[in-house]
Amino acid sequence: MGLVRRAFTREFKIAAIKELEAGKTVGVVARRLEVSRSELYRWYREYKKHPMKAFSGPGKAIAVSREAELERKIGQLTMENDFLKKALESLEEQQRADNGGGRYTKRSVKKAKR
């Protein structure tokens, strides 16, 4: 699968710069917009040098960003599910140890139902 070079619109770049000027850190903005920190720095320098001429090239909006956002969310939820499964297994092991090795008797089952 070949790599595709992404191009960004002038408006996208200026919006990113405005976020930086509003006090957000470069790392936060870079992660949110899925661009490298060095690219943000370059955009910022270019805009500060020539605000009216900056980003005059034919950029195009990226349509993949929503899809990439959803894929990231799926990955995050998968990691959370794995964490919760392991935590549940750990709790179940602890309960078995507290109940005498995990053996259930009729009496312990009745207590658990109460």
PDB file of N, CA and C in Angstrom:
ATOM      1  N   MET A   1       0.849  -1.169   0.000  1.00  0.00           N
ATOM      2  CA  MET A   1       0.000   0.000   0.000  1.00  0.00           C
ATOM      3  C   MET A   1       0.894   1.231   0.000  1.00  0.00           C
ATOM      4  N   GLY A   2       0.730   2.118  -0.962  1.00  0.00           N
ATOM      5  CA  GLY A   2       1.565   3.305  -1.091  1.00  0.00           C
ATOM      6  C   GLY A   2       1.147   4.404  -0.132  1.00  0.00           C
ATOM      7  N   LEU A   3       2.113   5.224   0.202  1.00  0.00           N
ATOM      8  CA  LEU A   3       1.833   6.360   1.064  1.00  0.00           C
ATOM      9  C   LEU A   3       1.229   7.490   0.235  1.00  0.00           C
ATOM     10  N   VAL A   4       0.269   8.175   0.810  1.00  0.00           N
ATOM     11  CA  VAL A   4      -0.372   9.291   0.143  1.00  0.00           C
ATOM     12  C   VAL A   4       0.012  10.563   0.887  1.00  0.00           C
ATOM     13  N   ARG A   5       0.527  11.521   0.178  1.00  0.00           N
ATOM     14  CA  ARG A   5       0.891  12.789   0.795  1.00  0.00           C
ATOM     15  C   ARG A   5      -0.371  13.613   0.988  1.00  0.00           C
ATOM     16  N   ARG A   6      -0.572  14.048   2.213  1.00  0.00           N
ATOM     17  CA  ARG A   6      -1.757  14.840   2.517  1.00  0.00           C
ATOM     18  C   ARG A   6      -1.489  16.316   2.246  1.00  0.00           C
ATOM     19  N   ALA A   7      -2.499  16.997   1.762  1.00  0.00           N
ATOM     20  CA  ALA A   7      -2.407  18.432   1.543  1.00  0.00           C
ATOM     21  C   ALA A   7      -3.522  19.084   2.351  1.00  0.00           C
ATOM     22  N   PHE A   8      -3.233  20.243   2.909  1.00  0.00           N
ATOM     23  CA  PHE A   8      -4.186  20.914   3.775  1.00  0.00           C
ATOM     24  C   PHE A   8      -4.551  22.275   3.190  1.00  0.00           C
ATOM     25  N   THR A   9      -5.777  22.683   3.408  1.00  0.00           N
ATOM     26  CA  THR A   9      -6.222  23.978   2.902  1.00  0.00           C
ATOM     27  C   THR A   9      -5.597  25.104   3.711  1.00  0.00           C
ATOM     28  N   ARG A  10      -5.610  26.277   3.136  1.00  0.00           N
ATOM     29  CA  ARG A  10      -5.101  27.468   3.812  1.00  0.00           C
ATOM     30  C   ARG A  10      -5.900  27.693   5.101  1.00  0.00           C
ATOM     31  N   GLU A  11      -7.201  27.511   5.029  1.00  0.00           N
ATOM     32  CA  GLU A  11      -8.062  27.719   6.193  1.00  0.00           C
ATOM     33  C   GLU A  11      -7.711  26.752   7.326  1.00  0.00           C
ATOM     34  N   PHE A  12      -7.402  25.514   6.966  1.00  0.00           N
ATOM     35  CA  PHE A  12      -7.025  24.506   7.954  1.00  0.00           C
ATOM     36  C   PHE A  12      -5.751  24.938   8.678  1.00  0.00           C
ATOM     37  N   LYS A  13      -4.766  25.385   7.906  1.00  0.00           N
ATOM     38  CA  LYS A  13      -3.489  25.795   8.484  1.00  0.00           C
ATOM     39  C   LYS A  13      -3.654  27.020   9.373  1.00  0.00           C
ATOM     40  N   ILE A  14      -4.431  27.983   8.921  1.00  0.00           N
ATOM     41  CA  ILE A  14      -4.647  29.192   9.721  1.00  0.00           C
ATOM     42  C   ILE A  14      -5.408  28.864  10.995  1.00  0.00           C
ATOM     43  N   ALA A  15      -6.375  27.952  10.918  1.00  0.00           N
ATOM     44  CA  ALA A  15      -7.102  27.544  12.123  1.00  0.00           C
ATOM     45  C   ALA A  15      -6.150  26.894  13.126  1.00  0.00           C
ATOM     46  N   ALA A  16      -5.210  26.105  12.633  1.00  0.00           N
ATOM     47  CA  ALA A  16      -4.221  25.480  13.511  1.00  0.00           C
ATOM     48  C   ALA A  16      -3.354  26.548  14.177  1.00  0.00           C
ATOM     49  N   ILE A  17      -2.949  27.541  13.419  1.00  0.00           N
ATOM     50  CA  ILE A  17      -2.121  28.622  13.958  1.00  0.00           C
ATOM     51  C   ILE A  17      -2.902  29.419  14.998  1.00  0.00           C
ATOM     52  N   LYS A  18      -4.170  29.651  14.746  1.00  0.00           N
ATOM     53  CA  LYS A  18      -5.006  30.392  15.714  1.00  0.00           C
ATOM     54  C   LYS A  18      -5.102  29.630  17.033  1.00  0.00           C
ATOM     55  N   GLU A  19      -5.165  28.312  16.961  1.00  0.00           N
ATOM     56  CA  GLU A  19      -5.183  27.515  18.188  1.00  0.00           C
ATOM     57  C   GLU A  19      -3.890  27.693  18.970  1.00  0.00           C
ATOM     58  N   LEU A  20      -2.770  27.735  18.251  1.00  0.00           N
ATOM     59  CA  LEU A  20      -1.481  27.955  18.911  1.00  0.00           C
ATOM     60  C   LEU A  20      -1.442  29.336  19.555  1.00  0.00           C
ATOM     61  N   GLU A  21      -1.943  30.317  18.844  1.00  0.00           N
ATOM     62  CA  GLU A  21      -1.958  31.676  19.376  1.00  0.00           C
ATOM     63  C   GLU A  21      -2.905  31.816  20.560  1.00  0.00           C
ATOM     64  N   ALA A  22      -3.899  30.940  20.631  1.00  0.00           N
ATOM     65  CA  ALA A  22      -4.850  30.968  21.746  1.00  0.00           C
ATOM     66  C   ALA A  22      -4.257  30.347  23.012  1.00  0.00           C
ATOM     67  N   GLY A  23      -3.065  29.781  22.891  1.00  0.00           N
ATOM     68  CA  GLY A  23      -2.397  29.246  24.069  1.00  0.00           C
ATOM     69  C   GLY A  23      -2.301  27.734  24.145  1.00  0.00           C
ATOM     70  N   LYS A  24      -2.854  27.037  23.174  1.00  0.00           N
ATOM     71  CA  LYS A  24      -2.741  25.577  23.185  1.00  0.00           C
ATOM     72  C   LYS A  24      -1.308  25.189  22.829  1.00  0.00           C
ATOM     73  N   THR A  25      -0.859  24.077  23.370  1.00  0.00           N
ATOM     74  CA  THR A  25       0.504  23.634  23.092  1.00  0.00           C
ATOM     75  C   THR A  25       0.580  23.008  21.702  1.00  0.00           C
ATOM     76  N   VAL A  26       1.782  23.010  21.157  1.00  0.00           N
ATOM     77  CA  VAL A  26       1.995  22.449  19.826  1.00  0.00           C
ATOM     78  C   VAL A  26       1.667  20.959  19.825  1.00  0.00           C
ATOM     79  N   GLY A  27       2.045  20.259  20.892  1.00  0.00           N
ATOM     80  CA  GLY A  27       1.771  18.827  20.968  1.00  0.00           C
ATOM     81  C   GLY A  27       0.287  18.508  20.940  1.00  0.00           C
ATOM     82  N   VAL A  28      -0.494  19.273  21.686  1.00  0.00           N
ATOM     83  CA  VAL A  28      -1.945  19.045  21.738  1.00  0.00           C
ATOM     84  C   VAL A  28      -2.570  19.296  20.376  1.00  0.00           C
ATOM     85  N   VAL A  29      -2.209  20.412  19.757  1.00  0.00           N
ATOM     86  CA  VAL A  29      -2.779  20.752  18.448  1.00  0.00           C
ATOM     87  C   VAL A  29      -2.342  19.725  17.406  1.00  0.00           C
ATOM     88  N   ALA A  30      -1.084  19.327  17.445  1.00  0.00           N
ATOM     89  CA  ALA A  30      -0.582  18.350  16.474  1.00  0.00           C
ATOM     90  C   ALA A  30      -1.321  17.019  16.583  1.00  0.00           C
ATOM     91  N   ARG A  31      -1.526  16.543  17.815  1.00  0.00           N
ATOM     92  CA  ARG A  31      -2.253  15.274  17.982  1.00  0.00           C
ATOM     93  C   ARG A  31      -3.692  15.389  17.516  1.00  0.00           C
ATOM     94  N   ARG A  32      -4.342  16.493  17.872  1.00  0.00           N
ATOM     95  CA  ARG A  32      -5.747  16.663  17.516  1.00  0.00           C
ATOM     96  C   ARG A  32      -5.931  16.739  16.000  1.00  0.00           C
ATOM     97  N   LEU A  33      -5.020  17.422  15.331  1.00  0.00           N
ATOM     98  CA  LEU A  33      -5.146  17.600  13.882  1.00  0.00           C
ATOM     99  C   LEU A  33      -4.423  16.531  13.073  1.00  0.00           C
ATOM    100  N   GLU A  34      -3.710  15.642  13.778  1.00  0.00           N
ATOM    101  CA  GLU A  34      -2.974  14.559  13.122  1.00  0.00           C
ATOM    102  C   GLU A  34      -1.919  15.081  12.154  1.00  0.00           C
ATOM    103  N   VAL A  35      -1.148  16.058  12.607  1.00  0.00           N
ATOM    104  CA  VAL A  35      -0.015  16.561  11.832  1.00  0.00           C
ATOM    105  C   VAL A  35       1.205  16.548  12.743  1.00  0.00           C
ATOM    106  N   SER A  36       2.375  16.602  12.151  1.00  0.00           N
ATOM    107  CA  SER A  36       3.586  16.580  12.960  1.00  0.00           C
ATOM    108  C   SER A  36       3.822  17.947  13.600  1.00  0.00           C
ATOM    109  N   ARG A  37       4.536  17.912  14.710  1.00  0.00           N
ATOM    110  CA  ARG A  37       4.859  19.154  15.398  1.00  0.00           C
ATOM    111  C   ARG A  37       5.725  20.044  14.514  1.00  0.00           C
ATOM    112  N   SER A  38       6.672  19.425  13.800  1.00  0.00           N
ATOM    113  CA  SER A  38       7.552  20.219  12.940  1.00  0.00           C
ATOM    114  C   SER A  38       6.768  20.910  11.831  1.00  0.00           C
ATOM    115  N   GLU A  39       5.735  20.247  11.340  1.00  0.00           N
ATOM    116  CA  GLU A  39       4.914  20.862  10.305  1.00  0.00           C
ATOM    117  C   GLU A  39       4.160  22.068  10.864  1.00  0.00           C
ATOM    118  N   LEU A  40       3.645  21.941  12.082  1.00  0.00           N
ATOM    119  CA  LEU A  40       2.967  23.072  12.713  1.00  0.00           C
ATOM    120  C   LEU A  40       3.920  24.243  12.909  1.00  0.00           C
ATOM    121  N   TYR A  41       5.125  23.937  13.371  1.00  0.00           N
ATOM    122  CA  TYR A  41       6.119  25.007  13.536  1.00  0.00           C
ATOM    123  C   TYR A  41       6.403  25.693  12.200  1.00  0.00           C
ATOM    124  N   ARG A  42       6.529  24.903  11.142  1.00  0.00           N
ATOM    125  CA  ARG A  42       6.812  25.460   9.821  1.00  0.00           C
ATOM    126  C   ARG A  42       5.672  26.360   9.357  1.00  0.00           C
ATOM    127  N   TRP A  43       4.429  25.902   9.550  1.00  0.00           N
ATOM    128  CA  TRP A  43       3.273  26.715   9.188  1.00  0.00           C
ATOM    129  C   TRP A  43       3.270  28.029   9.968  1.00  0.00           C
ATOM    130  N   TYR A  44       3.583  27.926  11.249  1.00  0.00           N
ATOM    131  CA  TYR A  44       3.574  29.112  12.111  1.00  0.00           C
ATOM    132  C   TYR A  44       4.622  30.125  11.638  1.00  0.00           C
ATOM    133  N   ARG A  45       5.841  29.643  11.352  1.00  0.00           N
ATOM    134  CA  ARG A  45       6.906  30.537  10.874  1.00  0.00           C
ATOM    135  C   ARG A  45       6.516  31.187   9.549  1.00  0.00           C
ATOM    136  N   GLU A  46       5.964  30.390   8.645  1.00  0.00           N
ATOM    137  CA  GLU A  46       5.571  30.916   7.339  1.00  0.00           C
ATOM    138  C   GLU A  46       4.483  31.976   7.486  1.00  0.00           C
ATOM    139  N   TYR A  47       3.532  31.719   8.352  1.00  0.00           N
ATOM    140  CA  TYR A  47       2.436  32.672   8.543  1.00  0.00           C
ATOM    141  C   TYR A  47       2.935  33.965   9.183  1.00  0.00           C
ATOM    142  N   LYS A  48       3.831  33.851  10.148  1.00  0.00           N
ATOM    143  CA  LYS A  48       4.359  35.044  10.815  1.00  0.00           C
ATOM    144  C   LYS A  48       5.226  35.879   9.875  1.00  0.00           C
ATOM    145  N   LYS A  49       5.902  35.218   8.962  1.00  0.00           N
ATOM    146  CA  LYS A  49       6.794  35.911   8.038  1.00  0.00           C
ATOM    147  C   LYS A  49       5.988  36.696   6.991  1.00  0.00           C
ATOM    148  N   HIS A  50       4.978  36.055   6.407  1.00  0.00           N
ATOM    149  CA  HIS A  50       4.164  36.680   5.351  1.00  0.00           C
ATOM    150  C   HIS A  50       2.691  36.288   5.551  1.00  0.00           C
ATOM    151  N   PRO A  51       1.986  36.954   6.456  1.00  0.00           N
ATOM    152  CA  PRO A  51       0.603  36.548   6.756  1.00  0.00           C
ATOM    153  C   PRO A  51      -0.335  36.547   5.543  1.00  0.00           C
ATOM    154  N   MET A  52      -0.177  37.484   4.648  1.00  0.00           N
ATOM    155  CA  MET A  52      -1.091  37.565   3.506  1.00  0.00           C
ATOM    156  C   MET A  52      -0.720  36.585   2.387  1.00  0.00           C
ATOM    157  N   LYS A  53       0.562  36.253   2.271  1.00  0.00           N
ATOM    158  CA  LYS A  53       1.021  35.377   1.189  1.00  0.00           C
ATOM    159  C   LYS A  53       1.152  33.918   1.631  1.00  0.00           C
ATOM    160  N   ALA A  54       1.055  33.689   2.907  1.00  0.00           N
ATOM    161  CA  ALA A  54       1.277  32.328   3.414  1.00  0.00           C
ATOM    162  C   ALA A  54       0.238  31.355   2.873  1.00  0.00           C
ATOM    163  N   PHE A  55       0.700  30.181   2.530  1.00  0.00           N
ATOM    164  CA  PHE A  55      -0.159  29.071   2.098  1.00  0.00           C
ATOM    165  C   PHE A  55      -0.937  29.404   0.826  1.00  0.00           C
ATOM    166  N   SER A  56      -0.276  29.947  -0.153  1.00  0.00           N
ATOM    167  CA  SER A  56      -0.967  30.323  -1.386  1.00  0.00           C
ATOM    168  C   SER A  56      -1.113  29.156  -2.353  1.00  0.00           C
ATOM    169  N   GLY A  57      -0.497  28.015  -2.048  1.00  0.00           N
ATOM    170  CA  GLY A  57      -0.557  26.855  -2.930  1.00  0.00           C
ATOM    171  C   GLY A  57      -1.943  26.230  -2.960  1.00  0.00           C
ATOM    172  N   PRO A  58      -2.155  25.329  -3.905  1.00  0.00           N
ATOM    173  CA  PRO A  58      -3.471  24.701  -4.061  1.00  0.00           C
ATOM    174  C   PRO A  58      -3.679  23.533  -3.086  1.00  0.00           C
ATOM    175  N   GLY A  59      -3.900  23.820  -1.848  1.00  0.00           N
ATOM    176  CA  GLY A  59      -4.157  22.763  -0.873  1.00  0.00           C
ATOM    177  C   GLY A  59      -5.542  22.176  -1.068  1.00  0.00           C
ATOM    178  N   LYS A  60      -5.739  21.026  -0.511  1.00  0.00           N
ATOM    179  CA  LYS A  60      -7.061  20.405  -0.603  1.00  0.00           C
ATOM    180  C   LYS A  60      -7.414  19.837   0.762  1.00  0.00           C
ATOM    181  N   ALA A  61      -8.671  19.832   1.067  1.00  0.00           N
ATOM    182  CA  ALA A  61      -9.134  19.312   2.351  1.00  0.00           C
ATOM    183  C   ALA A  61      -8.990  17.799   2.356  1.00  0.00           C
ATOM    184  N   ILE A  62      -8.739  17.251   3.518  1.00  0.00           N
ATOM    185  CA  ILE A  62      -8.609  15.801   3.602  1.00  0.00           C
ATOM    186  C   ILE A  62      -9.938  15.209   4.061  1.00  0.00           C
ATOM    187  N   ALA A  63     -10.385  14.221   3.336  1.00  0.00           N
ATOM    188  CA  ALA A  63     -11.656  13.588   3.652  1.00  0.00           C
ATOM    189  C   ALA A  63     -11.464  12.370   4.539  1.00  0.00           C
ATOM    190  N   VAL A  64     -10.228  11.991   4.758  1.00  0.00           N
ATOM    191  CA  VAL A  64      -9.938  10.791   5.514  1.00  0.00           C
ATOM    192  C   VAL A  64      -9.980  11.054   7.017  1.00  0.00           C
ATOM    193  N   SER A  65      -9.988  12.302   7.417  1.00  0.00           N
ATOM    194  CA  SER A  65      -9.832  12.606   8.830  1.00  0.00           C
ATOM    195  C   SER A  65     -10.941  11.984   9.687  1.00  0.00           C
ATOM    196  N   ARG A  66     -12.165  11.970   9.233  1.00  0.00           N
ATOM    197  CA  ARG A  66     -13.267  11.380  10.006  1.00  0.00           C
ATOM    198  C   ARG A  66     -13.053   9.872  10.147  1.00  0.00           C
ATOM    199  N   GLU A  67     -12.631   9.244   9.063  1.00  0.00           N
ATOM    200  CA  GLU A  67     -12.367   7.806   9.096  1.00  0.00           C
ATOM    201  C   GLU A  67     -11.213   7.498  10.050  1.00  0.00           C
ATOM    202  N   ALA A  68     -10.168   8.296   9.996  1.00  0.00           N
ATOM    203  CA  ALA A  68      -9.024   8.094  10.889  1.00  0.00           C
ATOM    204  C   ALA A  68      -9.435   8.304  12.339  1.00  0.00           C
ATOM    205  N   GLU A  69     -10.290   9.288  12.577  1.00  0.00           N
ATOM    206  CA  GLU A  69     -10.779   9.550  13.933  1.00  0.00           C
ATOM    207  C   GLU A  69     -11.562   8.347  14.466  1.00  0.00           C
ATOM    208  N   LEU A  70     -12.394   7.761  13.626  1.00  0.00           N
ATOM    209  CA  LEU A  70     -13.175   6.592  14.045  1.00  0.00           C
ATOM    210  C   LEU A  70     -12.276   5.387  14.307  1.00  0.00           C
ATOM    211  N   GLU A  71     -11.258   5.201  13.478  1.00  0.00           N
ATOM    212  CA  GLU A  71     -10.326   4.091  13.689  1.00  0.00           C
ATOM    213  C   GLU A  71      -9.575   4.254  15.001  1.00  0.00           C
ATOM    214  N   ARG A  72      -9.177   5.493  15.307  1.00  0.00           N
ATOM    215  CA  ARG A  72      -8.503   5.756  16.585  1.00  0.00           C
ATOM    216  C   ARG A  72      -9.436   5.448  17.755  1.00  0.00           C
ATOM    217  N   LYS A  73     -10.691   5.835  17.613  1.00  0.00           N
ATOM    218  CA  LYS A  73     -11.672   5.596  18.677  1.00  0.00           C
ATOM    219  C   LYS A  73     -11.878   4.091  18.882  1.00  0.00           C
ATOM    220  N   ILE A  74     -11.947   3.340  17.797  1.00  0.00           N
ATOM    221  CA  ILE A  74     -12.088   1.885  17.898  1.00  0.00           C
ATOM    222  C   ILE A  74     -10.894   1.301  18.637  1.00  0.00           C
ATOM    223  N   GLY A  75      -9.695   1.752  18.289  1.00  0.00           N
ATOM    224  CA  GLY A  75      -8.498   1.271  18.974  1.00  0.00           C
ATOM    225  C   GLY A  75      -8.520   1.594  20.453  1.00  0.00           C
ATOM    226  N   GLN A  76      -8.947   2.811  20.780  1.00  0.00           N
ATOM    227  CA  GLN A  76      -9.019   3.217  22.186  1.00  0.00           C
ATOM    228  C   GLN A  76     -10.029   2.361  22.946  1.00  0.00           C
ATOM    229  N   LEU A  77     -11.196   2.146  22.360  1.00  0.00           N
ATOM    230  CA  LEU A  77     -12.221   1.336  23.024  1.00  0.00           C
ATOM    231  C   LEU A  77     -11.776  -0.114  23.173  1.00  0.00           C
ATOM    232  N   THR A  78     -11.053  -0.630  22.191  1.00  0.00           N
ATOM    233  CA  THR A  78     -10.525  -1.992  22.286  1.00  0.00           C
ATOM    234  C   THR A  78      -9.563  -2.105  23.455  1.00  0.00           C
ATOM    235  N   MET A  79      -8.690  -1.106  23.601  1.00  0.00           N
ATOM    236  CA  MET A  79      -7.743  -1.125  24.720  1.00  0.00           C
ATOM    237  C   MET A  79      -8.479  -1.039  26.054  1.00  0.00           C
ATOM    238  N   GLU A  80      -9.506  -0.196  26.126  1.00  0.00           N
ATOM    239  CA  GLU A  80     -10.284  -0.081  27.362  1.00  0.00           C
ATOM    240  C   GLU A  80     -10.979  -1.401  27.683  1.00  0.00           C
ATOM    241  N   ASN A  81     -11.549  -2.050  26.668  1.00  0.00           N
ATOM    242  CA  ASN A  81     -12.215  -3.343  26.884  1.00  0.00           C
ATOM    243  C   ASN A  81     -11.228  -4.383  27.409  1.00  0.00           C
ATOM    244  N   ASP A  82     -10.034  -4.439  26.800  1.00  0.00           N
ATOM    245  CA  ASP A  82      -9.017  -5.388  27.255  1.00  0.00           C
ATOM    246  C   ASP A  82      -8.639  -5.118  28.710  1.00  0.00           C
ATOM    247  N   PHE A  83      -8.471  -3.849  29.051  1.00  0.00           N
ATOM    248  CA  PHE A  83      -8.125  -3.482  30.426  1.00  0.00           C
ATOM    249  C   PHE A  83      -9.224  -3.936  31.393  1.00  0.00           C
ATOM    250  N   LEU A  84     -10.479  -3.669  31.030  1.00  0.00           N
ATOM    251  CA  LEU A  84     -11.586  -4.031  31.907  1.00  0.00           C
ATOM    252  C   LEU A  84     -11.731  -5.552  32.040  1.00  0.00           C
ATOM    253  N   LYS A  85     -11.493  -6.284  30.962  1.00  0.00           N
ATOM    254  CA  LYS A  85     -11.536  -7.739  31.034  1.00  0.00           C
ATOM    255  C   LYS A  85     -10.486  -8.269  31.996  1.00  0.00           C
ATOM    256  N   LYS A  86      -9.268  -7.721  31.915  1.00  0.00           N
ATOM    257  CA  LYS A  86      -8.201  -8.154  32.815  1.00  0.00           C
ATOM    258  C   LYS A  86      -8.523  -7.791  34.256  1.00  0.00           C
ATOM    259  N   ALA A  87      -9.103  -6.600  34.460  1.00  0.00           N
ATOM    260  CA  ALA A  87      -9.474  -6.189  35.814  1.00  0.00           C
ATOM    261  C   ALA A  87     -10.551  -7.116  36.377  1.00  0.00           C
ATOM    262  N   LEU A  88     -11.520  -7.484  35.540  1.00  0.00           N
ATOM    263  CA  LEU A  88     -12.570  -8.397  35.980  1.00  0.00           C
ATOM    264  C   LEU A  88     -12.002  -9.767  36.322  1.00  0.00           C
ATOM    265  N   GLU A  89     -11.101 -10.269  35.493  1.00  0.00           N
ATOM    266  CA  GLU A  89     -10.457 -11.554  35.782  1.00  0.00           C
ATOM    267  C   GLU A  89      -9.709 -11.499  37.106  1.00  0.00           C
ATOM    268  N   SER A  90      -9.031 -10.396  37.346  1.00  0.00           N
ATOM    269  CA  SER A  90      -8.282 -10.223  38.591  1.00  0.00           C
ATOM    270  C   SER A  90      -9.223 -10.221  39.789  1.00  0.00           C
ATOM    271  N   LEU A  91     -10.341  -9.520  39.667  1.00  0.00           N
ATOM    272  CA  LEU A  91     -11.320  -9.499  40.756  1.00  0.00           C
ATOM    273  C   LEU A  91     -11.925 -10.875  41.004  1.00  0.00           C
ATOM    274  N   GLU A  92     -12.216 -11.581  39.911  1.00  0.00           N
ATOM    275  CA  GLU A  92     -12.774 -12.924  40.061  1.00  0.00           C
ATOM    276  C   GLU A  92     -11.776 -13.854  40.742  1.00  0.00           C
ATOM    277  N   GLU A  93     -10.488 -13.737  40.378  1.00  0.00           N
ATOM    278  CA  GLU A  93      -9.453 -14.543  41.025  1.00  0.00           C
ATOM    279  C   GLU A  93      -9.380 -14.230  42.507  1.00  0.00           C
ATOM    280  N   GLN A  94      -9.454 -12.951  42.827  1.00  0.00           N
ATOM    281  CA  GLN A  94      -9.390 -12.531  44.230  1.00  0.00           C
ATOM    282  C   GLN A  94     -10.589 -13.076  45.005  1.00  0.00           C
ATOM    283  N   GLN A  95     -11.765 -13.048  44.402  1.00  0.00           N
ATOM    284  CA  GLN A  95     -12.958 -13.580  45.065  1.00  0.00           C
ATOM    285  C   GLN A  95     -12.832 -15.086  45.275  1.00  0.00           C
ATOM    286  N   ARG A  96     -12.293 -15.777  44.282  1.00  0.00           N
ATOM    287  CA  ARG A  96     -12.105 -17.222  44.436  1.00  0.00           C
ATOM    288  C   ARG A  96     -11.144 -17.529  45.567  1.00  0.00           C
ATOM    289  N   ALA A  97     -10.089 -16.725  45.671  1.00  0.00           N
ATOM    290  CA  ALA A  97      -9.119 -16.931  46.746  1.00  0.00           C
ATOM    291  C   ALA A  97      -9.754 -16.660  48.103  1.00  0.00           C
ATOM    292  N   ASP A  98     -10.606 -15.644  48.172  1.00  0.00           N
ATOM    293  CA  ASP A  98     -11.287 -15.311  49.427  1.00  0.00           C
ATOM    294  C   ASP A  98     -12.324 -16.368  49.806  1.00  0.00           C
ATOM    295  N   ASN A  99     -12.853 -17.078  48.831  1.00  0.00           N
ATOM    296  CA  ASN A  99     -13.872 -18.103  49.085  1.00  0.00           C
ATOM    297  C   ASN A  99     -13.263 -19.487  49.258  1.00  0.00           C
ATOM    298  N   GLY A 100     -11.992 -19.577  49.550  1.00  0.00           N
ATOM    299  CA  GLY A 100     -11.379 -20.876  49.801  1.00  0.00           C
ATOM    300  C   GLY A 100     -11.001 -21.613  48.535  1.00  0.00           C
ATOM    301  N   GLY A 101     -10.344 -20.956  47.635  1.00  0.00           N
ATOM    302  CA  GLY A 101      -9.843 -21.656  46.455  1.00  0.00           C
ATOM    303  C   GLY A 101     -10.826 -21.749  45.326  1.00  0.00           C
ATOM    304  N   GLY A 102     -11.895 -21.035  45.399  1.00  0.00           N
ATOM    305  CA  GLY A 102     -12.819 -21.000  44.285  1.00  0.00           C
ATOM    306  C   GLY A 102     -13.861 -22.087  44.300  1.00  0.00           C
ATOM    307  N   ARG A 103     -13.952 -22.831  45.385  1.00  0.00           N
ATOM    308  CA  ARG A 103     -14.978 -23.871  45.462  1.00  0.00           C
ATOM    309  C   ARG A 103     -16.252 -23.255  46.012  1.00  0.00           C
ATOM    310  N   TYR A 104     -17.311 -23.492  45.315  1.00  0.00           N
ATOM    311  CA  TYR A 104     -18.586 -22.960  45.760  1.00  0.00           C
ATOM    312  C   TYR A 104     -19.402 -24.074  46.397  1.00  0.00           C
ATOM    313  N   THR A 105     -19.984 -23.774  47.517  1.00  0.00           N
ATOM    314  CA  THR A 105     -20.875 -24.713  48.176  1.00  0.00           C
ATOM    315  C   THR A 105     -22.283 -24.156  48.065  1.00  0.00           C
ATOM    316  N   LYS A 106     -23.249 -24.975  48.411  1.00  0.00           N
ATOM    317  CA  LYS A 106     -24.629 -24.501  48.368  1.00  0.00           C
ATOM    318  C   LYS A 106     -24.801 -23.322  49.304  1.00  0.00           C
ATOM    319  N   ARG A 107     -24.140 -23.365  50.442  1.00  0.00           N
ATOM    320  CA  ARG A 107     -24.259 -22.288  51.415  1.00  0.00           C
ATOM    321  C   ARG A 107     -23.666 -20.987  50.862  1.00  0.00           C
ATOM    322  N   SER A 108     -22.480 -21.063  50.227  1.00  0.00           N
ATOM    323  CA  SER A 108     -21.857 -19.840  49.691  1.00  0.00           C
ATOM    324  C   SER A 108     -22.662 -19.257  48.542  1.00  0.00           C
ATOM    325  N   VAL A 109     -23.303 -20.136  47.762  1.00  0.00           N
ATOM    326  CA  VAL A 109     -24.128 -19.668  46.662  1.00  0.00           C
ATOM    327  C   VAL A 109     -25.346 -18.956  47.213  1.00  0.00           C
ATOM    328  N   LYS A 110     -25.953 -19.499  48.278  1.00  0.00           N
ATOM    329  CA  LYS A 110     -27.117 -18.850  48.883  1.00  0.00           C
ATOM    330  C   LYS A 110     -26.728 -17.497  49.467  1.00  0.00           C
ATOM    331  N   LYS A 111     -25.552 -17.392  50.095  1.00  0.00           N
ATOM    332  CA  LYS A 111     -25.101 -16.121  50.633  1.00  0.00           C
ATOM    333  C   LYS A 111     -24.901 -15.099  49.522  1.00  0.00           C
ATOM    334  N   ALA A 112     -24.386 -15.541  48.419  1.00  0.00           N
ATOM    335  CA  ALA A 112     -24.120 -14.627  47.305  1.00  0.00           C
ATOM    336  C   ALA A 112     -25.413 -14.085  46.714  1.00  0.00           C
ATOM    337  N   LYS A 113     -26.503 -14.884  46.777  1.00  0.00           N
ATOM    338  CA  LYS A 113     -27.775 -14.459  46.202  1.00  0.00           C
ATOM    339  C   LYS A 113     -28.482 -13.424  47.084  1.00  0.00           C
ATOM    340  N   ARG A 114     -28.140 -13.408  48.367  1.00  0.00           N
ATOM    341  CA  ARG A 114     -28.821 -12.471  49.274  1.00  0.00           C
ATOM    342  C   ARG A 114     -28.467 -11.090  49.026  1.00  0.00           C
TER     343      ARG A 114
END
